[in-house]
């Protein structure tokens, strides 16, 4: 679980750096002037800094989601303890049911098959 915490923090920090430091546009100026702020591609000669921000932010959100899933799961010892206690209770109920209900009344036992 510590791996998810560290990975989430690192990736989200990298995404924030791309978002803050490598601003691609300025929405307060005219579009033709804002277009002059475009920079060269960063990744594979195709993706710019804004695309990298999208990639990093999505992976950061994925790791945070995986962290939430890991936190919501019980630990292995708790799960095994629950399963063994539940199985023993189920076995007790089965034995108690069989002891008190030796003859079961099934409603369709008396109906003959249409052969």
Protein backbone atom coordinates (compact mmCIF):
# COMPACT_ATOMS: atom_id res chain seq x y z
CA UNK A 1 0.00 0.00 0.00
CA UNK A 2 2.94 2.31 0.65
CA UNK A 3 3.91 1.84 -2.98
CA UNK A 4 0.58 3.31 -4.10
CA UNK A 5 0.99 6.29 -1.77
CA UNK A 6 4.50 7.05 -3.03
CA UNK A 7 3.63 6.45 -6.69
CA UNK A 8 0.49 8.61 -6.41
CA UNK A 9 2.37 11.49 -4.81
CA UNK A 10 5.24 11.35 -7.32
CA UNK A 11 3.01 11.15 -10.39
CA UNK A 12 0.63 13.86 -9.19
CA UNK A 13 3.60 16.11 -8.39
CA UNK A 14 4.96 15.57 -11.90
CA UNK A 15 1.52 16.33 -13.35
CA UNK A 16 1.35 19.57 -11.35
CA UNK A 17 4.79 20.59 -12.63
CA UNK A 18 3.65 20.06 -16.20
CA UNK A 19 0.43 21.95 -15.53
CA UNK A 20 2.02 24.96 -13.84
CA UNK A 21 5.45 25.29 -15.44
CA UNK A 22 4.69 24.36 -19.03
CA UNK A 23 1.56 26.41 -19.71
CA UNK A 24 0.59 25.98 -23.35
CA UNK A 25 -2.01 28.71 -23.72
CA UNK A 26 -3.00 32.01 -22.21
CA UNK A 27 -6.76 32.41 -22.27
CA UNK A 28 -6.64 36.11 -21.44
CA UNK A 29 -5.19 37.14 -24.83
CA UNK A 30 -6.45 36.77 -28.38
CA UNK A 31 -6.20 33.29 -29.97
CA UNK A 32 -3.72 34.33 -32.68
CA UNK A 33 -1.38 35.73 -30.01
CA UNK A 34 -1.89 32.73 -27.75
CA UNK A 35 -0.90 30.44 -30.63
CA UNK A 36 2.56 31.99 -30.57
CA UNK A 37 3.06 30.53 -27.08
CA UNK A 38 2.98 26.99 -28.50
CA UNK A 39 6.19 25.11 -27.82
CA UNK A 40 7.88 22.19 -29.51
CA UNK A 41 6.74 18.66 -28.85
CA UNK A 42 8.16 16.96 -25.79
CA UNK A 43 7.43 13.27 -26.21
CA UNK A 44 8.15 11.34 -29.44
CA UNK A 45 7.98 14.52 -31.47
CA UNK A 46 4.19 14.37 -31.28
CA UNK A 47 2.93 15.10 -27.75
CA UNK A 48 3.31 18.53 -26.19
CA UNK A 49 3.48 19.40 -22.50
CA UNK A 50 -0.29 19.61 -22.18
CA UNK A 51 -0.65 16.04 -23.49
CA UNK A 52 1.98 14.89 -20.99
CA UNK A 53 -0.03 16.61 -18.27
CA UNK A 54 -3.11 14.64 -19.36
CA UNK A 55 -1.17 11.36 -19.26
CA UNK A 56 0.35 12.03 -15.84
CA UNK A 57 -2.90 13.29 -14.33
CA UNK A 58 -4.79 10.22 -15.54
CA UNK A 59 -2.14 7.87 -14.14
CA UNK A 60 -2.13 9.82 -10.88
CA UNK A 61 -5.89 9.47 -10.59
CA UNK A 62 -5.61 5.77 -11.38
CA UNK A 63 -3.06 5.27 -8.60
CA UNK A 64 -5.21 7.20 -6.12
CA UNK A 65 -8.16 4.99 -7.08
CA UNK A 66 -6.05 1.86 -6.63
CA UNK A 67 -4.97 3.20 -3.23
CA UNK A 68 -8.62 3.65 -2.22
CA UNK A 69 -9.38 0.09 -3.33
CA UNK A 70 -6.45 -1.25 -1.30
CA UNK A 71 -7.51 0.72 1.77
CA UNK A 72 -11.06 -0.63 1.55
CA UNK A 73 -9.85 -4.25 1.45
CA UNK A 74 -9.29 -5.97 4.79
CA UNK A 75 -5.82 -7.22 5.61
CA UNK A 76 -5.04 -10.86 4.92
CA UNK A 77 -5.12 -11.90 8.58
CA UNK A 78 -8.49 -10.22 9.14
CA UNK A 79 -9.93 -11.87 6.04
CA UNK A 80 -8.66 -15.33 7.02
CA UNK A 81 -9.98 -14.87 10.56
CA UNK A 82 -13.38 -13.87 9.17
CA UNK A 83 -13.50 -16.83 6.78
CA UNK A 84 -12.59 -19.39 9.42
CA UNK A 85 -15.08 -18.01 11.95
CA UNK A 86 -17.79 -17.85 9.30
CA UNK A 87 -17.08 -21.42 8.11
CA UNK A 88 -17.30 -22.77 11.66
CA UNK A 89 -20.62 -20.95 12.20
CA UNK A 90 -21.97 -22.35 8.93
CA UNK A 91 -20.93 -25.87 9.92
CA UNK A 92 -22.66 -25.43 13.31
CA UNK A 93 -25.87 -24.31 11.60
CA UNK A 94 -25.77 -27.23 9.17
CA UNK A 95 -25.30 -29.70 12.02
CA UNK A 96 -28.05 -28.09 14.08
CA UNK A 97 -30.43 -28.10 11.09
CA UNK A 98 -29.72 -31.75 10.30
CA UNK A 99 -30.18 -32.74 13.95
CA UNK A 100 -33.55 -31.03 14.35
CA UNK A 101 -34.88 -31.68 10.86
CA UNK A 102 -34.11 -35.31 10.12
CA UNK A 103 -37.23 -35.74 8.01
CA UNK A 104 -37.69 -32.94 5.56
CA UNK A 105 -41.05 -32.14 4.11
CA UNK A 106 -40.51 -31.41 0.48
CA UNK A 107 -43.71 -30.23 -1.23
CA UNK A 108 -43.11 -31.95 -4.56
CA UNK A 109 -41.99 -35.39 -3.34
CA UNK A 110 -45.45 -36.92 -3.80
CA UNK A 111 -45.88 -35.82 -7.41
CA UNK A 112 -45.09 -38.56 -9.88
CA UNK A 113 -43.12 -37.85 -13.02
CA UNK A 114 -45.09 -37.85 -16.34
CA UNK A 115 -43.40 -40.96 -17.82
